[in-house]
Amino acid sequence: MNYTSVADTAKKWEMPERTVRNYCAQNRIPGAFITGKTWNVPENAEKPERSNKRSNPP
């Protein structure tokens, strides 16, 4: 399996790197693991749903 960096994943998903790191730390990205201080994200990982997403927008 191939892995990408947090920076590459953040660009692909159009979100801040910090958010991707938080998703990794919260185990919301299956297969992501940390080596030292660097997260490795599977290339085929899907973007997790936001946990604070509104169900009925006003």
PDB file of N, CA and C in Angstrom:
ATOM      1  N   MET A   1       0.852  -1.186   0.000  1.00  0.00           N
ATOM      2  CA  MET A   1       0.000   0.000   0.000  1.00  0.00           C
ATOM      3  C   MET A   1       0.892   1.241   0.000  1.00  0.00           C
ATOM      4  N   ASN A   2       0.487   2.236  -0.747  1.00  0.00           N
ATOM      5  CA  ASN A   2       1.239   3.484  -0.819  1.00  0.00           C
ATOM      6  C   ASN A   2       0.646   4.506   0.139  1.00  0.00           C
ATOM      7  N   TYR A   3       1.518   5.324   0.685  1.00  0.00           N
ATOM      8  CA  TYR A   3       1.102   6.333   1.658  1.00  0.00           C
ATOM      9  C   TYR A   3       1.517   7.721   1.188  1.00  0.00           C
ATOM     10  N   THR A   4       0.761   8.731   1.619  1.00  0.00           N
ATOM     11  CA  THR A   4       1.083  10.113   1.296  1.00  0.00           C
ATOM     12  C   THR A   4       1.269  10.898   2.584  1.00  0.00           C
ATOM     13  N   SER A   5       1.789  12.088   2.454  1.00  0.00           N
ATOM     14  CA  SER A   5       2.002  12.949   3.608  1.00  0.00           C
ATOM     15  C   SER A   5       0.716  13.679   3.973  1.00  0.00           C
ATOM     16  N   VAL A   6       0.715  14.271   5.148  1.00  0.00           N
ATOM     17  CA  VAL A   6      -0.419  15.080   5.584  1.00  0.00           C
ATOM     18  C   VAL A   6      -0.595  16.265   4.642  1.00  0.00           C
ATOM     19  N   ALA A   7       0.506  16.877   4.219  1.00  0.00           N
ATOM     20  CA  ALA A   7       0.431  18.037   3.324  1.00  0.00           C
ATOM     21  C   ALA A   7      -0.234  17.667   2.000  1.00  0.00           C
ATOM     22  N   ASP A   8       0.153  16.541   1.413  1.00  0.00           N
ATOM     23  CA  ASP A   8      -0.445  16.111   0.149  1.00  0.00           C
ATOM     24  C   ASP A   8      -1.919  15.763   0.316  1.00  0.00           C
ATOM     25  N   THR A   9      -2.246  15.107   1.419  1.00  0.00           N
ATOM     26  CA  THR A   9      -3.638  14.744   1.692  1.00  0.00           C
ATOM     27  C   THR A   9      -4.480  15.994   1.895  1.00  0.00           C
ATOM     28  N   ALA A  10      -3.941  16.976   2.606  1.00  0.00           N
ATOM     29  CA  ALA A  10      -4.673  18.221   2.856  1.00  0.00           C
ATOM     30  C   ALA A  10      -4.972  18.952   1.541  1.00  0.00           C
ATOM     31  N   LYS A  11      -4.011  18.962   0.631  1.00  0.00           N
ATOM     32  CA  LYS A  11      -4.245  19.597  -0.680  1.00  0.00           C
ATOM     33  C   LYS A  11      -5.328  18.849  -1.454  1.00  0.00           C
ATOM     34  N   LYS A  12      -5.252  17.531  -1.429  1.00  0.00           N
ATOM     35  CA  LYS A  12      -6.218  16.708  -2.158  1.00  0.00           C
ATOM     36  C   LYS A  12      -7.640  16.906  -1.620  1.00  0.00           C
ATOM     37  N   TRP A  13      -7.764  16.977  -0.306  1.00  0.00           N
ATOM     38  CA  TRP A  13      -9.079  17.122   0.336  1.00  0.00           C
ATOM     39  C   TRP A  13      -9.489  18.575   0.516  1.00  0.00           C
ATOM     40  N   GLU A  14      -8.627  19.515   0.152  1.00  0.00           N
ATOM     41  CA  GLU A  14      -8.895  20.952   0.275  1.00  0.00           C
ATOM     42  C   GLU A  14      -9.273  21.345   1.701  1.00  0.00           C
ATOM     43  N   MET A  15      -8.369  21.035   2.629  1.00  0.00           N
ATOM     44  CA  MET A  15      -8.558  21.383   4.033  1.00  0.00           C
ATOM     45  C   MET A  15      -7.196  21.641   4.669  1.00  0.00           C
ATOM     46  N   PRO A  16      -7.183  22.285   5.836  1.00  0.00           N
ATOM     47  CA  PRO A  16      -5.903  22.569   6.491  1.00  0.00           C
ATOM     48  C   PRO A  16      -5.179  21.287   6.930  1.00  0.00           C
ATOM     49  N   GLU A  17      -3.855  21.354   6.940  1.00  0.00           N
ATOM     50  CA  GLU A  17      -3.044  20.220   7.382  1.00  0.00           C
ATOM     51  C   GLU A  17      -3.388  19.841   8.825  1.00  0.00           C
ATOM     52  N   ARG A  18      -3.653  20.842   9.639  1.00  0.00           N
ATOM     53  CA  ARG A  18      -3.976  20.601  11.048  1.00  0.00           C
ATOM     54  C   ARG A  18      -5.212  19.697  11.182  1.00  0.00           C
ATOM     55  N   THR A  19      -6.193  19.906  10.330  1.00  0.00           N
ATOM     56  CA  THR A  19      -7.410  19.097  10.364  1.00  0.00           C
ATOM     57  C   THR A  19      -7.098  17.647  10.010  1.00  0.00           C
ATOM     58  N   VAL A  20      -6.263  17.439   9.008  1.00  0.00           N
ATOM     59  CA  VAL A  20      -5.883  16.076   8.619  1.00  0.00           C
ATOM     60  C   VAL A  20      -5.133  15.406   9.769  1.00  0.00           C
ATOM     61  N   ARG A  21      -4.217  16.129  10.420  1.00  0.00           N
ATOM     62  CA  ARG A  21      -3.499  15.572  11.567  1.00  0.00           C
ATOM     63  C   ARG A  21      -4.466  15.195  12.692  1.00  0.00           C
ATOM     64  N   ASN A  22      -5.447  16.055  12.939  1.00  0.00           N
ATOM     65  CA  ASN A  22      -6.440  15.757  13.977  1.00  0.00           C
ATOM     66  C   ASN A  22      -7.236  14.505  13.621  1.00  0.00           C
ATOM     67  N   TYR A  23      -7.638  14.384  12.356  1.00  0.00           N
ATOM     68  CA  TYR A  23      -8.361  13.183  11.926  1.00  0.00           C
ATOM     69  C   TYR A  23      -7.512  11.930  12.147  1.00  0.00           C
ATOM     70  N   CYS A  24      -6.226  12.021  11.849  1.00  0.00           N
ATOM     71  CA  CYS A  24      -5.324  10.882  12.068  1.00  0.00           C
ATOM     72  C   CYS A  24      -5.247  10.539  13.557  1.00  0.00           C
ATOM     73  N   ALA A  25      -5.061  11.541  14.384  1.00  0.00           N
ATOM     74  CA  ALA A  25      -4.929  11.332  15.827  1.00  0.00           C
ATOM     75  C   ALA A  25      -6.212  10.769  16.441  1.00  0.00           C
ATOM     76  N   GLN A  26      -7.364  11.091  15.852  1.00  0.00           N
ATOM     77  CA  GLN A  26      -8.649  10.610  16.353  1.00  0.00           C
ATOM     78  C   GLN A  26      -9.057   9.283  15.711  1.00  0.00           C
ATOM     79  N   ASN A  27      -8.140   8.664  14.965  1.00  0.00           N
ATOM     80  CA  ASN A  27      -8.397   7.389  14.276  1.00  0.00           C
ATOM     81  C   ASN A  27      -9.586   7.461  13.332  1.00  0.00           C
ATOM     82  N   ARG A  28      -9.766   8.602  12.688  1.00  0.00           N
ATOM     83  CA  ARG A  28     -10.879   8.774  11.748  1.00  0.00           C
ATOM     84  C   ARG A  28     -10.462   8.464  10.314  1.00  0.00           C
ATOM     85  N   ILE A  29      -9.154   8.185  10.125  1.00  0.00           N
ATOM     86  CA  ILE A  29      -8.660   7.787   8.807  1.00  0.00           C
ATOM     87  C   ILE A  29      -8.089   6.373   8.950  1.00  0.00           C
ATOM     88  N   PRO A  30      -8.837   5.366   8.505  1.00  0.00           N
ATOM     89  CA  PRO A  30      -8.363   3.985   8.634  1.00  0.00           C
ATOM     90  C   PRO A  30      -7.036   3.771   7.909  1.00  0.00           C
ATOM     91  N   GLY A  31      -6.100   3.115   8.576  1.00  0.00           N
ATOM     92  CA  GLY A  31      -4.815   2.798   7.968  1.00  0.00           C
ATOM     93  C   GLY A  31      -3.738   3.845   8.164  1.00  0.00           C
ATOM     94  N   ALA A  32      -4.098   5.010   8.720  1.00  0.00           N
ATOM     95  CA  ALA A  32      -3.085   6.050   8.962  1.00  0.00           C
ATOM     96  C   ALA A  32      -2.255   5.666  10.181  1.00  0.00           C
ATOM     97  N   PHE A  33      -0.954   5.908  10.104  1.00  0.00           N
ATOM     98  CA  PHE A  33      -0.079   5.623  11.244  1.00  0.00           C
ATOM     99  C   PHE A  33       1.003   6.683  11.329  1.00  0.00           C
ATOM    100  N   ILE A  34       1.593   6.775  12.514  1.00  0.00           N
ATOM    101  CA  ILE A  34       2.602   7.798  12.758  1.00  0.00           C
ATOM    102  C   ILE A  34       3.984   7.149  12.849  1.00  0.00           C
ATOM    103  N   THR A  35       4.950   7.795  12.227  1.00  0.00           N
ATOM    104  CA  THR A  35       6.345   7.380  12.303  1.00  0.00           C
ATOM    105  C   THR A  35       7.111   8.577  12.834  1.00  0.00           C
ATOM    106  N   GLY A  36       7.565   8.498  14.066  1.00  0.00           N
ATOM    107  CA  GLY A  36       8.208   9.649  14.694  1.00  0.00           C
ATOM    108  C   GLY A  36       7.169  10.726  14.924  1.00  0.00           C
ATOM    109  N   LYS A  37       7.278  11.822  14.172  1.00  0.00           N
ATOM    110  CA  LYS A  37       6.294  12.901  14.265  1.00  0.00           C
ATOM    111  C   LYS A  37       5.531  13.074  12.952  1.00  0.00           C
ATOM    112  N   THR A  38       5.684  12.117  12.039  1.00  0.00           N
ATOM    113  CA  THR A  38       5.087  12.224  10.712  1.00  0.00           C
ATOM    114  C   THR A  38       3.970  11.208  10.532  1.00  0.00           C
ATOM    115  N   TRP A  39       2.798  11.698  10.145  1.00  0.00           N
ATOM    116  CA  TRP A  39       1.671  10.818   9.842  1.00  0.00           C
ATOM    117  C   TRP A  39       1.783  10.333   8.412  1.00  0.00           C
ATOM    118  N   ASN A  40       1.467   9.052   8.213  1.00  0.00           N
ATOM    119  CA  ASN A  40       1.417   8.438   6.899  1.00  0.00           C
ATOM    120  C   ASN A  40      -0.038   8.087   6.617  1.00  0.00           C
ATOM    121  N   VAL A  41      -0.585   8.656   5.550  1.00  0.00           N
ATOM    122  CA  VAL A  41      -1.990   8.488   5.211  1.00  0.00           C
ATOM    123  C   VAL A  41      -2.088   7.634   3.947  1.00  0.00           C
ATOM    124  N   PRO A  42      -2.895   6.564   3.965  1.00  0.00           N
ATOM    125  CA  PRO A  42      -3.045   5.752   2.746  1.00  0.00           C
ATOM    126  C   PRO A  42      -3.520   6.601   1.563  1.00  0.00           C
ATOM    127  N   GLU A  43      -2.955   6.339   0.395  1.00  0.00           N
ATOM    128  CA  GLU A  43      -3.320   7.099  -0.806  1.00  0.00           C
ATOM    129  C   GLU A  43      -4.812   7.007  -1.117  1.00  0.00           C
ATOM    130  N   ASN A  44      -5.407   5.845  -0.849  1.00  0.00           N
ATOM    131  CA  ASN A  44      -6.806   5.637  -1.210  1.00  0.00           C
ATOM    132  C   ASN A  44      -7.771   5.966  -0.061  1.00  0.00           C
ATOM    133  N   ALA A  45      -7.286   6.629   0.982  1.00  0.00           N
ATOM    134  CA  ALA A  45      -8.151   6.983   2.117  1.00  0.00           C
ATOM    135  C   ALA A  45      -9.224   7.976   1.669  1.00  0.00           C
ATOM    136  N   GLU A  46     -10.408   7.812   2.244  1.00  0.00           N
ATOM    137  CA  GLU A  46     -11.504   8.723   1.924  1.00  0.00           C
ATOM    138  C   GLU A  46     -11.625   9.787   2.996  1.00  0.00           C
ATOM    139  N   LYS A  47     -12.039  10.958   2.574  1.00  0.00           N
ATOM    140  CA  LYS A  47     -12.195  12.097   3.479  1.00  0.00           C
ATOM    141  C   LYS A  47     -13.308  11.804   4.488  1.00  0.00           C
ATOM    142  N   PRO A  48     -13.006  11.887   5.801  1.00  0.00           N
ATOM    143  CA  PRO A  48     -14.042  11.641   6.806  1.00  0.00           C
ATOM    144  C   PRO A  48     -15.089  12.753   6.821  1.00  0.00           C
ATOM    145  N   GLU A  49     -16.289  12.399   7.228  1.00  0.00           N
ATOM    146  CA  GLU A  49     -17.348  13.391   7.394  1.00  0.00           C
ATOM    147  C   GLU A  49     -17.014  14.266   8.594  1.00  0.00           C
ATOM    148  N   ARG A  50     -17.406  15.521   8.531  1.00  0.00           N
ATOM    149  CA  ARG A  50     -17.207  16.418   9.665  1.00  0.00           C
ATOM    150  C   ARG A  50     -18.126  15.996  10.800  1.00  0.00           C
ATOM    151  N   SER A  51     -17.599  15.993  12.016  1.00  0.00           N
ATOM    152  CA  SER A  51     -18.414  15.577  13.159  1.00  0.00           C
ATOM    153  C   SER A  51     -19.365  16.676  13.604  1.00  0.00           C
ATOM    154  N   ASN A  52     -19.077  17.928  13.271  1.00  0.00           N
ATOM    155  CA  ASN A  52     -19.933  19.038  13.688  1.00  0.00           C
ATOM    156  C   ASN A  52     -20.822  19.531  12.542  1.00  0.00           C
ATOM    157  N   LYS A  53     -21.000  18.695  11.542  1.00  0.00           N
ATOM    158  CA  LYS A  53     -21.809  19.060  10.380  1.00  0.00           C
ATOM    159  C   LYS A  53     -23.276  19.169  10.795  1.00  0.00           C
ATOM    160  N   ARG A  54     -23.940  20.215  10.330  1.00  0.00           N
ATOM    161  CA  ARG A  54     -25.360  20.412  10.647  1.00  0.00           C
ATOM    162  C   ARG A  54     -26.201  19.447   9.841  1.00  0.00           C
ATOM    163  N   SER A  55     -27.203  18.892  10.501  1.00  0.00           N
ATOM    164  CA  SER A  55     -28.087  17.985   9.775  1.00  0.00           C
ATOM    165  C   SER A  55     -29.208  18.742   9.060  1.00  0.00           C
ATOM    166  N   ASN A  56     -29.686  19.839   9.661  1.00  0.00           N
ATOM    167  CA  ASN A  56     -30.733  20.670   9.062  1.00  0.00           C
ATOM    168  C   ASN A  56     -30.287  22.124   9.027  1.00  0.00           C
ATOM    169  N   PRO A  57     -29.682  22.549   7.930  1.00  0.00           N
ATOM    170  CA  PRO A  57     -29.246  23.961   7.869  1.00  0.00           C
ATOM    171  C   PRO A  57     -30.437  24.911   7.949  1.00  0.00           C
ATOM    172  N   PRO A  58     -30.255  26.065   8.570  1.00  0.00           N
ATOM    173  CA  PRO A  58     -31.367  27.017   8.715  1.00  0.00           C
ATOM    174  C   PRO A  58     -31.800  27.616   7.399  1.00  0.00           C
TER     175      PRO A  58
END
